[in-house]
C-alpha cells in the first residue's frame, strides 16, 4: 500500500462510511443533472420542485435509478427499489487478525 504523509493508509483515521457518503452526493448530483432535459421538455425546472410535486419527484427517482458510475467506494448502481447494488463483505476479528468471513454479490 502507498504511504500518505508518511503514514500507512490504515493509520490515517477517518470514517469507513466516508466513501459511501461521497458517492451518495455524486449519485444525487448526477441524477439531478440528468433530470434537466426531461423536465425542460415538460416545461418544468428543478427550481419548481416542492414536496407535493410528484412529477418532478418521479423524474429525480427515475434518473437516480438509472445512474451507473465508478465511485470511490466501487461501482455505483441502484435497483428498481432505489437500493444500492453492491458487494457486501463481512469480516471477523480473530484475535488481532481481521479475517474475511463472507462476500455477498447481489448481482450473482
PDB file of N, CA and C in Angstrom:
ATOM      1  N   UNK A   1       0.830  -1.189   0.000  1.00  0.00           N
ATOM      2  CA  UNK A   1       0.000   0.000   0.000  1.00  0.00           C
ATOM      3  C   UNK A   1       0.872   1.248   0.000  1.00  0.00           C
ATOM      4  N   UNK A   2       0.329   2.282  -0.592  1.00  0.00           N
ATOM      5  CA  UNK A   2       1.095   3.523  -0.649  1.00  0.00           C
ATOM      6  C   UNK A   2       1.032   4.242   0.694  1.00  0.00           C
ATOM      7  N   UNK A   3       1.983   5.114   0.891  1.00  0.00           N
ATOM      8  CA  UNK A   3       2.054   5.895   2.133  1.00  0.00           C
ATOM      9  C   UNK A   3       1.414   7.255   1.921  1.00  0.00           C
ATOM     10  N   UNK A   4       0.669   7.725   2.896  1.00  0.00           N
ATOM     11  CA  UNK A   4       0.043   9.043   2.859  1.00  0.00           C
ATOM     12  C   UNK A   4       0.670   9.889   3.949  1.00  0.00           C
ATOM     13  N   UNK A   5       1.421  10.895   3.542  1.00  0.00           N
ATOM     14  CA  UNK A   5       2.052  11.760   4.531  1.00  0.00           C
ATOM     15  C   UNK A   5       2.948  10.997   5.489  1.00  0.00           C
ATOM     16  N   UNK A   6       3.581   9.929   4.996  1.00  0.00           N
ATOM     17  CA  UNK A   6       4.460   9.138   5.839  1.00  0.00           C
ATOM     18  C   UNK A   6       3.724   8.135   6.710  1.00  0.00           C
ATOM     19  N   UNK A   7       2.395   8.023   6.546  1.00  0.00           N
ATOM     20  CA  UNK A   7       1.616   7.079   7.349  1.00  0.00           C
ATOM     21  C   UNK A   7       1.018   6.002   6.457  1.00  0.00           C
ATOM     22  N   UNK A   8       0.825   4.851   7.024  1.00  0.00           N
ATOM     23  CA  UNK A   8       0.117   3.775   6.375  1.00  0.00           C
ATOM     24  C   UNK A   8      -1.347   4.213   6.238  1.00  0.00           C
ATOM     25  N   UNK A   9      -2.011   3.982   5.079  1.00  0.00           N
ATOM     26  CA  UNK A   9      -3.394   4.430   4.912  1.00  0.00           C
ATOM     27  C   UNK A   9      -4.334   3.975   6.024  1.00  0.00           C
ATOM     28  N   UNK A  10      -4.115   2.788   6.592  1.00  0.00           N
ATOM     29  CA  UNK A  10      -4.970   2.300   7.672  1.00  0.00           C
ATOM     30  C   UNK A  10      -4.806   3.095   8.964  1.00  0.00           C
ATOM     31  N   UNK A  11      -3.749   3.882   9.057  1.00  0.00           N
ATOM     32  CA  UNK A  11      -3.476   4.641  10.281  1.00  0.00           C
ATOM     33  C   UNK A  11      -3.843   6.119  10.157  1.00  0.00           C
ATOM     34  N   UNK A  12      -4.477   6.506   9.062  1.00  0.00           N
ATOM     35  CA  UNK A  12      -4.773   7.917   8.855  1.00  0.00           C
ATOM     36  C   UNK A  12      -6.069   8.368   9.511  1.00  0.00           C
ATOM     37  N   UNK A  13      -6.883   7.460  10.032  1.00  0.00           N
ATOM     38  CA  UNK A  13      -8.144   7.827  10.682  1.00  0.00           C
ATOM     39  C   UNK A  13      -9.238   8.032   9.663  1.00  0.00           C
ATOM     40  N   UNK A  14     -10.312   8.681  10.090  1.00  0.00           N
ATOM     41  CA  UNK A  14     -11.443   8.903   9.193  1.00  0.00           C
ATOM     42  C   UNK A  14     -12.545   7.902   9.459  1.00  0.00           C
ATOM     43  N   UNK A  15     -13.538   7.946   8.656  1.00  0.00           N
ATOM     44  CA  UNK A  15     -14.695   7.074   8.817  1.00  0.00           C
ATOM     45  C   UNK A  15     -14.814   6.132   7.631  1.00  0.00           C
ATOM     46  N   UNK A  16     -15.151   4.870   7.892  1.00  0.00           N
ATOM     47  CA  UNK A  16     -15.325   3.894   6.821  1.00  0.00           C
ATOM     48  C   UNK A  16     -16.458   4.295   5.887  1.00  0.00           C
ATOM     49  N   UNK A  17     -17.429   5.035   6.404  1.00  0.00           N
ATOM     50  CA  UNK A  17     -18.604   5.413   5.619  1.00  0.00           C
ATOM     51  C   UNK A  17     -18.340   6.589   4.690  1.00  0.00           C
ATOM     52  N   UNK A  18     -17.212   7.276   4.842  1.00  0.00           N
ATOM     53  CA  UNK A  18     -16.929   8.475   4.052  1.00  0.00           C
ATOM     54  C   UNK A  18     -17.009   8.222   2.542  1.00  0.00           C
ATOM     55  N   UNK A  19     -16.425   7.137   2.020  1.00  0.00           N
ATOM     56  CA  UNK A  19     -16.549   6.909   0.574  1.00  0.00           C
ATOM     57  C   UNK A  19     -17.997   6.714   0.133  1.00  0.00           C
ATOM     58  N   UNK A  20     -18.802   6.082   0.967  1.00  0.00           N
ATOM     59  CA  UNK A  20     -20.214   5.875   0.630  1.00  0.00           C
ATOM     60  C   UNK A  20     -20.961   7.203   0.604  1.00  0.00           C
ATOM     61  N   UNK A  21     -20.667   8.076   1.560  1.00  0.00           N
ATOM     62  CA  UNK A  21     -21.300   9.396   1.597  1.00  0.00           C
ATOM     63  C   UNK A  21     -20.880  10.217   0.385  1.00  0.00           C
ATOM     64  N   UNK A  22     -19.614  10.165   0.048  1.00  0.00           N
ATOM     65  CA  UNK A  22     -19.101  10.887  -1.119  1.00  0.00           C
ATOM     66  C   UNK A  22     -19.823  10.426  -2.384  1.00  0.00           C
ATOM     67  N   UNK A  23     -19.946   9.099  -2.544  1.00  0.00           N
ATOM     68  CA  UNK A  23     -20.623   8.553  -3.721  1.00  0.00           C
ATOM     69  C   UNK A  23     -22.113   8.882  -3.724  1.00  0.00           C
ATOM     70  N   UNK A  24     -22.729   8.958  -2.550  1.00  0.00           N
ATOM     71  CA  UNK A  24     -24.148   9.312  -2.465  1.00  0.00           C
ATOM     72  C   UNK A  24     -24.379  10.735  -2.963  1.00  0.00           C
ATOM     73  N   UNK A  25     -23.483  11.650  -2.595  1.00  0.00           N
ATOM     74  CA  UNK A  25     -23.604  13.038  -3.053  1.00  0.00           C
ATOM     75  C   UNK A  25     -23.441  13.093  -4.569  1.00  0.00           C
ATOM     76  N   UNK A  26     -22.465  12.342  -5.111  1.00  0.00           N
ATOM     77  CA  UNK A  26     -22.272  12.308  -6.556  1.00  0.00           C
ATOM     78  C   UNK A  26     -23.477  11.697  -7.258  1.00  0.00           C
ATOM     79  N   UNK A  27     -24.036  10.635  -6.698  1.00  0.00           N
ATOM     80  CA  UNK A  27     -25.205   9.991  -7.308  1.00  0.00           C
ATOM     81  C   UNK A  27     -26.360  10.981  -7.411  1.00  0.00           C
ATOM     82  N   UNK A  28     -26.597  11.722  -6.350  1.00  0.00           N
ATOM     83  CA  UNK A  28     -27.682  12.703  -6.370  1.00  0.00           C
ATOM     84  C   UNK A  28     -27.376  13.828  -7.362  1.00  0.00           C
ATOM     85  N   UNK A  29     -26.149  14.317  -7.369  1.00  0.00           N
ATOM     86  CA  UNK A  29     -25.776  15.396  -8.299  1.00  0.00           C
ATOM     87  C   UNK A  29     -25.950  14.949  -9.751  1.00  0.00           C
ATOM     88  N   UNK A  30     -25.506  13.739 -10.065  1.00  0.00           N
ATOM     89  CA  UNK A  30     -25.644  13.226 -11.426  1.00  0.00           C
ATOM     90  C   UNK A  30     -27.115  13.024 -11.795  1.00  0.00           C
ATOM     91  N   UNK A  31     -27.911  12.543 -10.841  1.00  0.00           N
ATOM     92  CA  UNK A  31     -29.344  12.343 -11.088  1.00  0.00           C
ATOM     93  C   UNK A  31     -30.042  13.674 -11.325  1.00  0.00           C
ATOM     94  N   UNK A  32     -29.722  14.673 -10.511  1.00  0.00           N
ATOM     95  CA  UNK A  32     -30.338  15.991 -10.700  1.00  0.00           C
ATOM     96  C   UNK A  32     -29.958  16.557 -12.066  1.00  0.00           C
ATOM     97  N   UNK A  33     -28.698  16.396 -12.440  1.00  0.00           N
ATOM     98  CA  UNK A  33     -28.237  16.873 -13.747  1.00  0.00           C
ATOM     99  C   UNK A  33     -28.980  16.165 -14.879  1.00  0.00           C
ATOM    100  N   UNK A  34     -29.238  14.859 -14.685  1.00  0.00           N
ATOM    101  CA  UNK A  34     -29.922  14.060 -15.696  1.00  0.00           C
ATOM    102  C   UNK A  34     -31.388  14.470 -15.887  1.00  0.00           C
ATOM    103  N   UNK A  35     -31.985  15.102 -14.896  1.00  0.00           N
ATOM    104  CA  UNK A  35     -33.399  15.478 -14.970  1.00  0.00           C
ATOM    105  C   UNK A  35     -33.634  16.780 -15.727  1.00  0.00           C
ATOM    106  N   UNK A  36     -32.595  17.573 -15.930  1.00  0.00           N
ATOM    107  CA  UNK A  36     -32.766  18.894 -16.539  1.00  0.00           C
ATOM    108  C   UNK A  36     -33.448  18.794 -17.904  1.00  0.00           C
ATOM    109  N   UNK A  37     -32.953  17.935 -18.786  1.00  0.00           N
ATOM    110  CA  UNK A  37     -33.521  17.796 -20.130  1.00  0.00           C
ATOM    111  C   UNK A  37     -34.972  17.321 -20.122  1.00  0.00           C
ATOM    112  N   UNK A  38     -35.261  16.187 -19.459  1.00  0.00           N
ATOM    113  CA  UNK A  38     -36.642  15.711 -19.432  1.00  0.00           C
ATOM    114  C   UNK A  38     -37.618  16.711 -18.800  1.00  0.00           C
ATOM    115  N   UNK A  39     -37.187  17.404 -17.763  1.00  0.00           N
ATOM    116  CA  UNK A  39     -38.068  18.401 -17.144  1.00  0.00           C
ATOM    117  C   UNK A  39     -38.298  19.584 -18.079  1.00  0.00           C
ATOM    118  N   UNK A  40     -37.242  20.000 -18.778  1.00  0.00           N
ATOM    119  CA  UNK A  40     -37.368  21.129 -19.707  1.00  0.00           C
ATOM    120  C   UNK A  40     -38.357  20.790 -20.823  1.00  0.00           C
ATOM    121  N   UNK A  41     -38.318  19.527 -21.276  1.00  0.00           N
ATOM    122  CA  UNK A  41     -39.246  19.083 -22.318  1.00  0.00           C
ATOM    123  C   UNK A  41     -40.701  19.166 -21.842  1.00  0.00           C
ATOM    124  N   UNK A  42     -40.915  19.094 -20.540  1.00  0.00           N
ATOM    125  CA  UNK A  42     -42.264  19.182 -19.960  1.00  0.00           C
ATOM    126  C   UNK A  42     -42.587  20.600 -19.495  1.00  0.00           C
ATOM    127  N   UNK A  43     -41.676  21.530 -19.782  1.00  0.00           N
ATOM    128  CA  UNK A  43     -41.900  22.911 -19.355  1.00  0.00           C
ATOM    129  C   UNK A  43     -41.682  23.123 -17.870  1.00  0.00           C
ATOM    130  N   UNK A  44     -40.876  22.251 -17.254  1.00  0.00           N
ATOM    131  CA  UNK A  44     -40.604  22.332 -15.813  1.00  0.00           C
ATOM    132  C   UNK A  44     -39.122  22.564 -15.588  1.00  0.00           C
ATOM    133  N   UNK A  45     -38.766  22.922 -14.345  1.00  0.00           N
ATOM    134  CA  UNK A  45     -37.367  23.101 -13.941  1.00  0.00           C
ATOM    135  C   UNK A  45     -37.186  22.498 -12.549  1.00  0.00           C
ATOM    136  N   UNK A  46     -35.957  22.162 -12.217  1.00  0.00           N
ATOM    137  CA  UNK A  46     -35.681  21.662 -10.864  1.00  0.00           C
ATOM    138  C   UNK A  46     -36.069  22.697  -9.806  1.00  0.00           C
ATOM    139  N   UNK A  47     -35.953  23.964 -10.167  1.00  0.00           N
ATOM    140  CA  UNK A  47     -36.306  25.034  -9.229  1.00  0.00           C
ATOM    141  C   UNK A  47     -37.788  25.022  -8.872  1.00  0.00           C
ATOM    142  N   UNK A  48     -38.614  24.314  -9.673  1.00  0.00           N
ATOM    143  CA  UNK A  48     -40.044  24.200  -9.398  1.00  0.00           C
ATOM    144  C   UNK A  48     -40.350  23.112  -8.374  1.00  0.00           C
ATOM    145  N   UNK A  49     -39.316  22.367  -7.946  1.00  0.00           N
ATOM    146  CA  UNK A  49     -39.546  21.242  -7.032  1.00  0.00           C
ATOM    147  C   UNK A  49     -40.133  21.705  -5.702  1.00  0.00           C
ATOM    148  N   UNK A  50     -41.107  20.939  -5.236  1.00  0.00           N
ATOM    149  CA  UNK A  50     -41.572  21.008  -3.851  1.00  0.00           C
ATOM    150  C   UNK A  50     -42.030  19.595  -3.486  1.00  0.00           C
ATOM    151  N   UNK A  51     -42.295  19.366  -2.232  1.00  0.00           N
ATOM    152  CA  UNK A  51     -42.594  18.011  -1.776  1.00  0.00           C
ATOM    153  C   UNK A  51     -43.959  17.509  -2.233  1.00  0.00           C
ATOM    154  N   UNK A  52     -44.767  18.359  -2.826  1.00  0.00           N
ATOM    155  CA  UNK A  52     -46.069  17.943  -3.335  1.00  0.00           C
ATOM    156  C   UNK A  52     -46.055  17.681  -4.831  1.00  0.00           C
ATOM    157  N   UNK A  53     -44.930  17.962  -5.497  1.00  0.00           N
ATOM    158  CA  UNK A  53     -44.840  17.812  -6.934  1.00  0.00           C
ATOM    159  C   UNK A  53     -44.353  16.409  -7.285  1.00  0.00           C
ATOM    160  N   UNK A  54     -45.287  15.516  -7.556  1.00  0.00           N
ATOM    161  CA  UNK A  54     -44.950  14.119  -7.832  1.00  0.00           C
ATOM    162  C   UNK A  54     -44.243  13.942  -9.175  1.00  0.00           C
ATOM    163  N   UNK A  55     -44.507  14.814 -10.133  1.00  0.00           N
ATOM    164  CA  UNK A  55     -43.903  14.709 -11.454  1.00  0.00           C
ATOM    165  C   UNK A  55     -42.381  14.894 -11.378  1.00  0.00           C
ATOM    166  N   UNK A  56     -41.949  15.922 -10.685  1.00  0.00           N
ATOM    167  CA  UNK A  56     -40.509  16.178 -10.561  1.00  0.00           C
ATOM    168  C   UNK A  56     -39.864  15.113  -9.680  1.00  0.00           C
ATOM    169  N   UNK A  57     -40.552  14.718  -8.621  1.00  0.00           N
ATOM    170  CA  UNK A  57     -40.036  13.665  -7.736  1.00  0.00           C
ATOM    171  C   UNK A  57     -39.816  12.375  -8.515  1.00  0.00           C
ATOM    172  N   UNK A  58     -40.785  12.004  -9.348  1.00  0.00           N
ATOM    173  CA  UNK A  58     -40.672  10.779 -10.149  1.00  0.00           C
ATOM    174  C   UNK A  58     -39.511  10.876 -11.132  1.00  0.00           C
ATOM    175  N   UNK A  59     -39.291  12.050 -11.695  1.00  0.00           N
ATOM    176  CA  UNK A  59     -38.187  12.232 -12.650  1.00  0.00           C
ATOM    177  C   UNK A  59     -36.836  12.091 -11.942  1.00  0.00           C
ATOM    178  N   UNK A  60     -36.716  12.646 -10.747  1.00  0.00           N
ATOM    179  CA  UNK A  60     -35.476  12.512  -9.973  1.00  0.00           C
ATOM    180  C   UNK A  60     -35.241  11.046  -9.614  1.00  0.00           C
ATOM    181  N   UNK A  61     -36.290  10.373  -9.159  1.00  0.00           N
ATOM    182  CA  UNK A  61     -36.193   8.958  -8.789  1.00  0.00           C
ATOM    183  C   UNK A  61     -35.780   8.112  -9.993  1.00  0.00           C
ATOM    184  N   UNK A  62     -36.383   8.376 -11.155  1.00  0.00           N
ATOM    185  CA  UNK A  62     -36.059   7.644 -12.378  1.00  0.00           C
ATOM    186  C   UNK A  62     -34.587   7.879 -12.756  1.00  0.00           C
ATOM    187  N   UNK A  63     -34.139   9.111 -12.658  1.00  0.00           N
ATOM    188  CA  UNK A  63     -32.752   9.430 -13.006  1.00  0.00           C
ATOM    189  C   UNK A  63     -31.774   8.751 -12.051  1.00  0.00           C
ATOM    190  N   UNK A  64     -32.107   8.726 -10.765  1.00  0.00           N
ATOM    191  CA  UNK A  64     -31.227   8.082  -9.785  1.00  0.00           C
ATOM    192  C   UNK A  64     -31.153   6.580 -10.032  1.00  0.00           C
ATOM    193  N   UNK A  65     -32.291   5.967 -10.332  1.00  0.00           N
ATOM    194  CA  UNK A  65     -32.313   4.517 -10.536  1.00  0.00           C
ATOM    195  C   UNK A  65     -31.639   4.077 -11.827  1.00  0.00           C
ATOM    196  N   UNK A  66     -31.413   4.997 -12.746  1.00  0.00           N
ATOM    197  CA  UNK A  66     -30.708   4.644 -13.977  1.00  0.00           C
ATOM    198  C   UNK A  66     -29.251   5.115 -13.947  1.00  0.00           C
ATOM    199  N   UNK A  67     -28.817   5.623 -12.805  1.00  0.00           N
ATOM    200  CA  UNK A  67     -27.428   6.067 -12.659  1.00  0.00           C
ATOM    201  C   UNK A  67     -26.500   4.875 -12.557  1.00  0.00           C
ATOM    202  N   UNK A  68     -25.324   5.024 -13.099  1.00  0.00           N
ATOM    203  CA  UNK A  68     -24.293   3.998 -13.030  1.00  0.00           C
ATOM    204  C   UNK A  68     -22.955   4.692 -13.241  1.00  0.00           C
ATOM    205  N   UNK A  69     -22.064   4.596 -12.245  1.00  0.00           N
ATOM    206  CA  UNK A  69     -20.753   5.235 -12.374  1.00  0.00           C
ATOM    207  C   UNK A  69     -19.759   4.579 -11.430  1.00  0.00           C
ATOM    208  N   UNK A  70     -18.485   4.829 -11.684  1.00  0.00           N
ATOM    209  CA  UNK A  70     -17.425   4.326 -10.813  1.00  0.00           C
ATOM    210  C   UNK A  70     -17.179   5.358  -9.724  1.00  0.00           C
ATOM    211  N   UNK A  71     -17.516   5.017  -8.498  1.00  0.00           N
ATOM    212  CA  UNK A  71     -17.310   5.907  -7.370  1.00  0.00           C
ATOM    213  C   UNK A  71     -16.074   5.520  -6.590  1.00  0.00           C
ATOM    214  N   UNK A  72     -15.795   6.255  -5.532  1.00  0.00           N
ATOM    215  CA  UNK A  72     -14.617   5.934  -4.719  1.00  0.00           C
ATOM    216  C   UNK A  72     -14.825   4.653  -3.916  1.00  0.00           C
ATOM    217  N   UNK A  73     -16.079   4.247  -3.710  1.00  0.00           N
ATOM    218  CA  UNK A  73     -16.364   3.010  -2.978  1.00  0.00           C
ATOM    219  C   UNK A  73     -16.604   1.831  -3.907  1.00  0.00           C
ATOM    220  N   UNK A  74     -16.427   2.029  -5.204  1.00  0.00           N
ATOM    221  CA  UNK A  74     -16.660   0.963  -6.175  1.00  0.00           C
ATOM    222  C   UNK A  74     -17.730   1.372  -7.165  1.00  0.00           C
ATOM    223  N   UNK A  75     -18.225   0.397  -7.917  1.00  0.00           N
ATOM    224  CA  UNK A  75     -19.251   0.675  -8.914  1.00  0.00           C
ATOM    225  C   UNK A  75     -20.557   1.034  -8.210  1.00  0.00           C
ATOM    226  N   UNK A  76     -21.181   2.131  -8.649  1.00  0.00           N
ATOM    227  CA  UNK A  76     -22.417   2.610  -8.036  1.00  0.00           C
ATOM    228  C   UNK A  76     -23.556   2.413  -9.030  1.00  0.00           C
ATOM    229  N   UNK A  77     -24.527   1.613  -8.625  1.00  0.00           N
ATOM    230  CA  UNK A  77     -25.721   1.345  -9.430  1.00  0.00           C
ATOM    231  C   UNK A  77     -26.845   1.001  -8.453  1.00  0.00           C
ATOM    232  N   UNK A  78     -28.083   1.293  -8.849  1.00  0.00           N
ATOM    233  CA  UNK A  78     -29.225   1.086  -7.968  1.00  0.00           C
ATOM    234  C   UNK A  78     -30.217   0.122  -8.591  1.00  0.00           C
ATOM    235  N   UNK A  79     -30.964  -0.597  -7.738  1.00  0.00           N
ATOM    236  CA  UNK A  79     -32.007  -1.484  -8.244  1.00  0.00           C
ATOM    237  C   UNK A  79     -33.318  -0.706  -8.400  1.00  0.00           C
ATOM    238  N   UNK A  80     -34.375  -1.379  -8.830  1.00  0.00           N
ATOM    239  CA  UNK A  80     -35.658  -0.719  -9.099  1.00  0.00           C
ATOM    240  C   UNK A  80     -36.282  -0.096  -7.855  1.00  0.00           C
ATOM    241  N   UNK A  81     -35.908  -0.584  -6.673  1.00  0.00           N
ATOM    242  CA  UNK A  81     -36.438  -0.023  -5.424  1.00  0.00           C
ATOM    243  C   UNK A  81     -35.587   1.120  -4.891  1.00  0.00           C
ATOM    244  N   UNK A  82     -34.482   1.429  -5.571  1.00  0.00           N
ATOM    245  CA  UNK A  82     -33.626   2.526  -5.155  1.00  0.00           C
ATOM    246  C   UNK A  82     -32.508   2.128  -4.215  1.00  0.00           C
ATOM    247  N   UNK A  83     -32.348   0.832  -3.968  1.00  0.00           N
ATOM    248  CA  UNK A  83     -31.263   0.360  -3.101  1.00  0.00           C
ATOM    249  C   UNK A  83     -29.989   0.207  -3.918  1.00  0.00           C
ATOM    250  N   UNK A  84     -28.872   0.558  -3.303  1.00  0.00           N
ATOM    251  CA  UNK A  84     -27.601   0.413  -4.000  1.00  0.00           C
ATOM    252  C   UNK A  84     -27.264  -1.066  -4.117  1.00  0.00           C
ATOM    253  N   UNK A  85     -26.856  -1.456  -5.310  1.00  0.00           N
ATOM    254  CA  UNK A  85     -26.444  -2.838  -5.545  1.00  0.00           C
ATOM    255  C   UNK A  85     -24.930  -2.879  -5.417  1.00  0.00           C
ATOM    256  N   UNK A  86     -24.447  -3.568  -4.399  1.00  0.00           N
ATOM    257  CA  UNK A  86     -23.006  -3.593  -4.149  1.00  0.00           C
ATOM    258  C   UNK A  86     -22.631  -4.892  -3.448  1.00  0.00           C
ATOM    259  N   UNK A  87     -21.357  -5.166  -3.490  1.00  0.00           N
ATOM    260  CA  UNK A  87     -20.850  -6.304  -2.741  1.00  0.00           C
ATOM    261  C   UNK A  87     -20.916  -5.987  -1.263  1.00  0.00           C
ATOM    262  N   UNK A  88     -21.181  -7.012  -0.469  1.00  0.00           N
ATOM    263  CA  UNK A  88     -21.149  -6.885   0.976  1.00  0.00           C
ATOM    264  C   UNK A  88     -20.045  -7.801   1.488  1.00  0.00           C
ATOM    265  N   UNK A  89     -19.135  -7.230   2.246  1.00  0.00           N
ATOM    266  CA  UNK A  89     -18.058  -8.012   2.856  1.00  0.00           C
ATOM    267  C   UNK A  89     -18.314  -8.100   4.355  1.00  0.00           C
ATOM    268  N   UNK A  90     -18.257  -9.293   4.866  1.00  0.00           N
ATOM    269  CA  UNK A  90     -18.368  -9.485   6.313  1.00  0.00           C
ATOM    270  C   UNK A  90     -17.029 -10.034   6.781  1.00  0.00           C
ATOM    271  N   UNK A  91     -16.444  -9.314   7.724  1.00  0.00           N
ATOM    272  CA  UNK A  91     -15.149  -9.719   8.263  1.00  0.00           C
ATOM    273  C   UNK A  91     -15.290 -10.023   9.750  1.00  0.00           C
ATOM    274  N   UNK A  92     -14.375 -10.824  10.253  1.00  0.00           N
ATOM    275  CA  UNK A  92     -14.398 -11.184  11.669  1.00  0.00           C
ATOM    276  C   UNK A  92     -13.011 -10.953  12.252  1.00  0.00           C
ATOM    277  N   UNK A  93     -12.991 -10.314  13.402  1.00  0.00           N
ATOM    278  CA  UNK A  93     -11.733 -10.102  14.103  1.00  0.00           C
ATOM    279  C   UNK A  93     -11.431 -11.352  14.919  1.00  0.00           C
ATOM    280  N   UNK A  94     -10.360 -12.057  14.547  1.00  0.00           N
ATOM    281  CA  UNK A  94      -9.943 -13.283  15.233  1.00  0.00           C
ATOM    282  C   UNK A  94      -8.621 -12.997  15.918  1.00  0.00           C
ATOM    283  N   UNK A  95      -8.702 -12.711  17.208  1.00  0.00           N
ATOM    284  CA  UNK A  95      -7.519 -12.279  17.950  1.00  0.00           C
ATOM    285  C   UNK A  95      -7.160 -10.878  17.503  1.00  0.00           C
ATOM    286  N   UNK A  96      -6.029 -10.753  16.835  1.00  0.00           N
ATOM    287  CA  UNK A  96      -5.613  -9.444  16.316  1.00  0.00           C
ATOM    288  C   UNK A  96      -5.658  -9.402  14.791  1.00  0.00           C
ATOM    289  N   UNK A  97      -6.216 -10.454  14.181  1.00  0.00           N
ATOM    290  CA  UNK A  97      -6.249 -10.553  12.726  1.00  0.00           C
ATOM    291  C   UNK A  97      -7.684 -10.413  12.229  1.00  0.00           C
ATOM    292  N   UNK A  98      -7.870  -9.512  11.247  1.00  0.00           N
ATOM    293  CA  UNK A  98      -9.168  -9.334  10.620  1.00  0.00           C
ATOM    294  C   UNK A  98      -9.252 -10.309   9.452  1.00  0.00           C
ATOM    295  N   UNK A  99     -10.192 -11.254   9.534  1.00  0.00           N
ATOM    296  CA  UNK A  99     -10.319 -12.287   8.504  1.00  0.00           C
ATOM    297  C   UNK A  99     -11.609 -12.117   7.726  1.00  0.00           C
ATOM    298  N   UNK A 100     -11.521 -12.312   6.419  1.00  0.00           N
ATOM    299  CA  UNK A 100     -12.688 -12.254   5.564  1.00  0.00           C
ATOM    300  C   UNK A 100     -13.573 -13.453   5.884  1.00  0.00           C
ATOM    301  N   UNK A 101     -14.831 -13.200   6.147  1.00  0.00           N
ATOM    302  CA  UNK A 101     -15.767 -14.248   6.523  1.00  0.00           C
ATOM    303  C   UNK A 101     -16.719 -14.569   5.374  1.00  0.00           C
ATOM    304  N   UNK A 102     -17.237 -13.536   4.697  1.00  0.00           N
ATOM    305  CA  UNK A 102     -18.228 -13.740   3.661  1.00  0.00           C
ATOM    306  C   UNK A 102     -18.191 -12.594   2.663  1.00  0.00           C
ATOM    307  N   UNK A 103     -18.343 -12.918   1.388  1.00  0.00           N
ATOM    308  CA  UNK A 103     -18.518 -11.929   0.325  1.00  0.00           C
ATOM    309  C   UNK A 103     -19.847 -12.234  -0.334  1.00  0.00           C
ATOM    310  N   UNK A 104     -20.740 -11.230  -0.346  1.00  0.00           N
ATOM    311  CA  UNK A 104     -22.051 -11.414  -0.970  1.00  0.00           C
ATOM    312  C   UNK A 104     -22.177 -10.443  -2.130  1.00  0.00           C
ATOM    313  N   UNK A 105     -22.438 -10.968  -3.311  1.00  0.00           N
ATOM    314  CA  UNK A 105     -22.613 -10.157  -4.511  1.00  0.00           C
ATOM    315  C   UNK A 105     -24.075 -10.243  -4.909  1.00  0.00           C
ATOM    316  N   UNK A 106     -24.810  -9.156  -4.769  1.00  0.00           N
ATOM    317  CA  UNK A 106     -26.239  -9.144  -5.057  1.00  0.00           C
ATOM    318  C   UNK A 106     -26.539  -9.450  -6.521  1.00  0.00           C
ATOM    319  N   UNK A 107     -25.553  -9.253  -7.404  1.00  0.00           N
ATOM    320  CA  UNK A 107     -25.752  -9.466  -8.823  1.00  0.00           C
ATOM    321  C   UNK A 107     -25.617 -10.926  -9.247  1.00  0.00           C
ATOM    322  N   UNK A 108     -25.189 -11.793  -8.365  1.00  0.00           N
ATOM    323  CA  UNK A 108     -24.993 -13.206  -8.734  1.00  0.00           C
ATOM    324  C   UNK A 108     -25.697 -14.123  -7.782  1.00  0.00           C
TER     325      UNK A 108
END
